[in-house]
């Protein structure tokens, strides 16, 4: 069966979860990191950062609570 499928449909509902080293963040963010060495950033499809949270599970919960589909970035 060869039915065309538009893969771009719904792409705006995907967010990307990425581990971020606290040492690589601006000083004001490092100061408020609460002793964490790693945080998790949630980004939209264009690369804009939507959130920065303490752990991966929280990043996924946050995305799903906002009707977004989280995808891990390695």
N, C-alpha and C. Protein backbone atom coordinates (compact mmCIF):
# COMPACT_ATOMS: atom_id res chain seq x y z
N UNK A 1 0.84 -1.17 0.00
CA UNK A 1 0.00 0.00 0.00
C UNK A 1 0.89 1.24 0.00
N UNK A 2 0.63 2.14 -0.89
CA UNK A 2 1.44 3.34 -1.00
C UNK A 2 0.60 4.58 -0.78
N UNK A 3 0.31 4.86 0.45
CA UNK A 3 -0.46 6.04 0.80
C UNK A 3 0.48 7.11 1.30
N UNK A 4 0.50 8.27 0.66
CA UNK A 4 1.39 9.34 1.12
C UNK A 4 1.03 9.77 2.54
N UNK A 5 2.05 10.08 3.34
CA UNK A 5 1.84 10.55 4.69
C UNK A 5 2.67 11.80 4.92
N UNK A 6 2.04 12.83 5.41
CA UNK A 6 2.71 14.09 5.67
C UNK A 6 3.35 14.02 7.07
N UNK A 7 4.66 13.73 7.12
CA UNK A 7 5.35 13.58 8.39
C UNK A 7 5.50 14.90 9.14
N UNK A 8 5.34 16.02 8.47
CA UNK A 8 5.47 17.31 9.15
C UNK A 8 4.22 17.62 9.96
N UNK A 9 3.14 16.92 9.69
CA UNK A 9 1.89 17.15 10.41
C UNK A 9 2.07 16.75 11.88
N UNK A 10 1.80 17.66 12.77
CA UNK A 10 1.94 17.38 14.18
C UNK A 10 3.33 17.63 14.73
N UNK A 11 4.26 18.04 13.88
CA UNK A 11 5.64 18.26 14.32
C UNK A 11 5.73 19.36 15.38
N UNK A 12 4.81 20.30 15.35
CA UNK A 12 4.84 21.39 16.33
C UNK A 12 4.49 20.91 17.73
N UNK A 13 4.02 19.69 17.86
CA UNK A 13 3.66 19.13 19.16
C UNK A 13 4.80 18.31 19.77
N UNK A 14 5.93 18.25 19.10
CA UNK A 14 7.08 17.49 19.60
C UNK A 14 8.04 18.45 20.28
N UNK A 15 8.55 18.04 21.45
CA UNK A 15 9.60 18.79 22.12
C UNK A 15 10.78 17.86 22.37
N UNK A 16 11.93 18.43 22.52
CA UNK A 16 13.16 17.66 22.66
C UNK A 16 13.75 17.87 24.06
N UNK A 17 14.08 16.77 24.71
CA UNK A 17 14.63 16.81 26.07
C UNK A 17 16.11 16.49 25.98
N UNK A 18 16.92 17.38 26.55
CA UNK A 18 18.37 17.25 26.42
C UNK A 18 19.04 17.52 27.77
N UNK A 19 19.99 16.68 28.14
CA UNK A 19 20.77 16.91 29.35
C UNK A 19 21.72 18.08 29.12
N UNK A 20 21.85 18.92 30.14
CA UNK A 20 22.70 20.10 30.06
C UNK A 20 23.59 20.14 31.30
N UNK A 21 24.88 20.30 31.10
CA UNK A 21 25.80 20.44 32.23
C UNK A 21 25.63 21.83 32.84
N UNK A 22 25.43 21.87 34.15
CA UNK A 22 25.25 23.14 34.84
C UNK A 22 26.46 24.05 34.62
N UNK A 23 27.64 23.49 34.54
CA UNK A 23 28.86 24.27 34.32
C UNK A 23 28.83 25.05 33.00
N UNK A 24 28.02 24.61 32.04
CA UNK A 24 27.93 25.27 30.73
C UNK A 24 26.87 26.37 30.70
N UNK A 25 26.18 26.58 31.79
CA UNK A 25 25.09 27.55 31.84
C UNK A 25 25.58 28.90 32.34
N UNK A 26 24.83 29.98 32.09
CA UNK A 26 25.20 31.30 32.61
C UNK A 26 25.27 31.29 34.13
N UNK A 27 26.07 32.19 34.68
CA UNK A 27 26.31 32.23 36.12
C UNK A 27 25.03 32.32 36.95
N UNK A 28 24.09 33.15 36.55
CA UNK A 28 22.86 33.29 37.34
C UNK A 28 22.07 31.98 37.39
N UNK A 29 22.11 31.20 36.32
CA UNK A 29 21.43 29.90 36.30
C UNK A 29 22.21 28.90 37.15
N UNK A 30 23.53 28.92 37.04
CA UNK A 30 24.37 28.04 37.87
C UNK A 30 24.12 28.29 39.34
N UNK A 31 24.00 29.55 39.72
CA UNK A 31 23.79 29.91 41.12
C UNK A 31 22.45 29.40 41.65
N UNK A 32 21.47 29.25 40.78
CA UNK A 32 20.15 28.79 41.23
C UNK A 32 19.90 27.32 40.92
N UNK A 33 20.95 26.58 40.55
CA UNK A 33 20.80 25.17 40.18
C UNK A 33 20.68 24.24 41.38
N UNK A 34 20.78 24.76 42.57
CA UNK A 34 20.56 23.96 43.77
C UNK A 34 21.52 22.80 43.95
N UNK A 35 22.76 22.97 43.52
CA UNK A 35 23.76 21.92 43.71
C UNK A 35 23.75 20.83 42.65
N UNK A 36 22.85 20.90 41.69
CA UNK A 36 22.81 19.91 40.62
C UNK A 36 24.00 20.12 39.68
N UNK A 37 24.54 19.03 39.17
CA UNK A 37 25.61 19.10 38.18
C UNK A 37 25.05 19.02 36.76
N UNK A 38 23.82 18.53 36.65
CA UNK A 38 23.18 18.36 35.35
C UNK A 38 21.71 18.73 35.48
N UNK A 39 21.20 19.45 34.48
CA UNK A 39 19.78 19.77 34.38
C UNK A 39 19.27 19.26 33.04
N UNK A 40 17.98 19.37 32.82
CA UNK A 40 17.39 18.92 31.56
C UNK A 40 16.63 20.08 30.93
N UNK A 41 16.97 20.34 29.68
CA UNK A 41 16.33 21.41 28.92
C UNK A 41 15.26 20.81 28.01
N UNK A 42 14.16 21.52 27.88
CA UNK A 42 13.08 21.14 26.97
C UNK A 42 13.06 22.19 25.86
N UNK A 43 13.22 21.73 24.61
CA UNK A 43 13.29 22.63 23.46
C UNK A 43 12.17 22.36 22.48
N UNK A 44 11.72 23.42 21.78
CA UNK A 44 10.74 23.23 20.72
C UNK A 44 11.43 22.80 19.44
N UNK A 45 10.68 22.58 18.38
CA UNK A 45 11.22 22.07 17.12
C UNK A 45 12.21 23.04 16.47
N UNK A 46 12.10 24.33 16.78
CA UNK A 46 13.01 25.32 16.21
C UNK A 46 14.25 25.50 17.07
N UNK A 47 14.34 24.82 18.20
CA UNK A 47 15.50 24.90 19.06
C UNK A 47 15.36 25.87 20.22
N UNK A 48 14.22 26.54 20.32
CA UNK A 48 14.00 27.47 21.43
C UNK A 48 13.80 26.73 22.75
N UNK A 49 14.49 27.19 23.78
CA UNK A 49 14.36 26.53 25.08
C UNK A 49 13.05 26.94 25.73
N UNK A 50 12.27 25.93 26.12
CA UNK A 50 10.98 26.17 26.76
C UNK A 50 11.06 26.06 28.27
N UNK A 51 11.94 25.17 28.75
CA UNK A 51 12.05 24.95 30.20
C UNK A 51 13.41 24.36 30.53
N UNK A 52 13.78 24.52 31.78
CA UNK A 52 15.00 23.94 32.33
C UNK A 52 14.61 23.36 33.68
N UNK A 53 14.72 22.04 33.83
CA UNK A 53 14.24 21.38 35.03
C UNK A 53 15.31 20.48 35.64
N UNK A 54 15.06 20.02 36.86
CA UNK A 54 16.06 19.28 37.64
C UNK A 54 16.31 17.86 37.15
N UNK A 55 15.29 17.17 36.63
CA UNK A 55 15.54 15.79 36.19
C UNK A 55 14.75 15.44 34.94
N UNK A 56 15.18 14.37 34.32
CA UNK A 56 14.62 13.93 33.04
C UNK A 56 13.13 13.58 33.17
N UNK A 57 12.79 12.88 34.24
CA UNK A 57 11.40 12.48 34.44
C UNK A 57 10.49 13.71 34.52
N UNK A 58 10.93 14.73 35.23
CA UNK A 58 10.15 15.96 35.35
C UNK A 58 9.99 16.63 33.99
N UNK A 59 11.02 16.60 33.16
CA UNK A 59 10.94 17.18 31.81
C UNK A 59 9.86 16.49 30.99
N UNK A 60 9.79 15.16 31.08
CA UNK A 60 8.78 14.40 30.35
C UNK A 60 7.38 14.68 30.88
N UNK A 61 7.25 14.74 32.19
CA UNK A 61 5.94 15.02 32.80
C UNK A 61 5.47 16.41 32.39
N UNK A 62 6.37 17.38 32.45
CA UNK A 62 6.04 18.75 32.06
C UNK A 62 5.54 18.81 30.61
N UNK A 63 6.26 18.14 29.72
CA UNK A 63 5.86 18.12 28.31
C UNK A 63 4.47 17.49 28.14
N UNK A 64 4.26 16.34 28.75
CA UNK A 64 2.99 15.64 28.59
C UNK A 64 1.83 16.41 29.20
N UNK A 65 2.07 17.10 30.30
CA UNK A 65 1.01 17.90 30.92
C UNK A 65 0.59 19.05 30.02
N UNK A 66 1.45 19.42 29.10
CA UNK A 66 1.14 20.49 28.15
C UNK A 66 0.80 19.96 26.77
N UNK A 67 0.39 18.70 26.72
CA UNK A 67 -0.03 18.05 25.47
C UNK A 67 1.06 18.05 24.40
N UNK A 68 2.30 17.88 24.84
CA UNK A 68 3.44 17.81 23.94
C UNK A 68 4.03 16.41 24.01
N UNK A 69 4.69 16.00 22.95
CA UNK A 69 5.32 14.69 22.89
C UNK A 69 6.83 14.86 23.08
N UNK A 70 7.37 14.40 24.22
CA UNK A 70 8.81 14.55 24.45
C UNK A 70 9.62 13.50 23.74
N UNK A 71 10.76 13.90 23.21
CA UNK A 71 11.69 13.01 22.53
C UNK A 71 13.09 13.31 23.11
N UNK A 72 13.82 12.26 23.44
CA UNK A 72 15.15 12.43 24.01
C UNK A 72 16.18 12.77 22.93
N UNK A 73 17.06 13.69 23.25
CA UNK A 73 18.17 14.05 22.38
C UNK A 73 19.43 13.50 23.03
N UNK A 74 20.21 12.74 22.28
CA UNK A 74 21.43 12.16 22.85
C UNK A 74 22.64 12.96 22.49
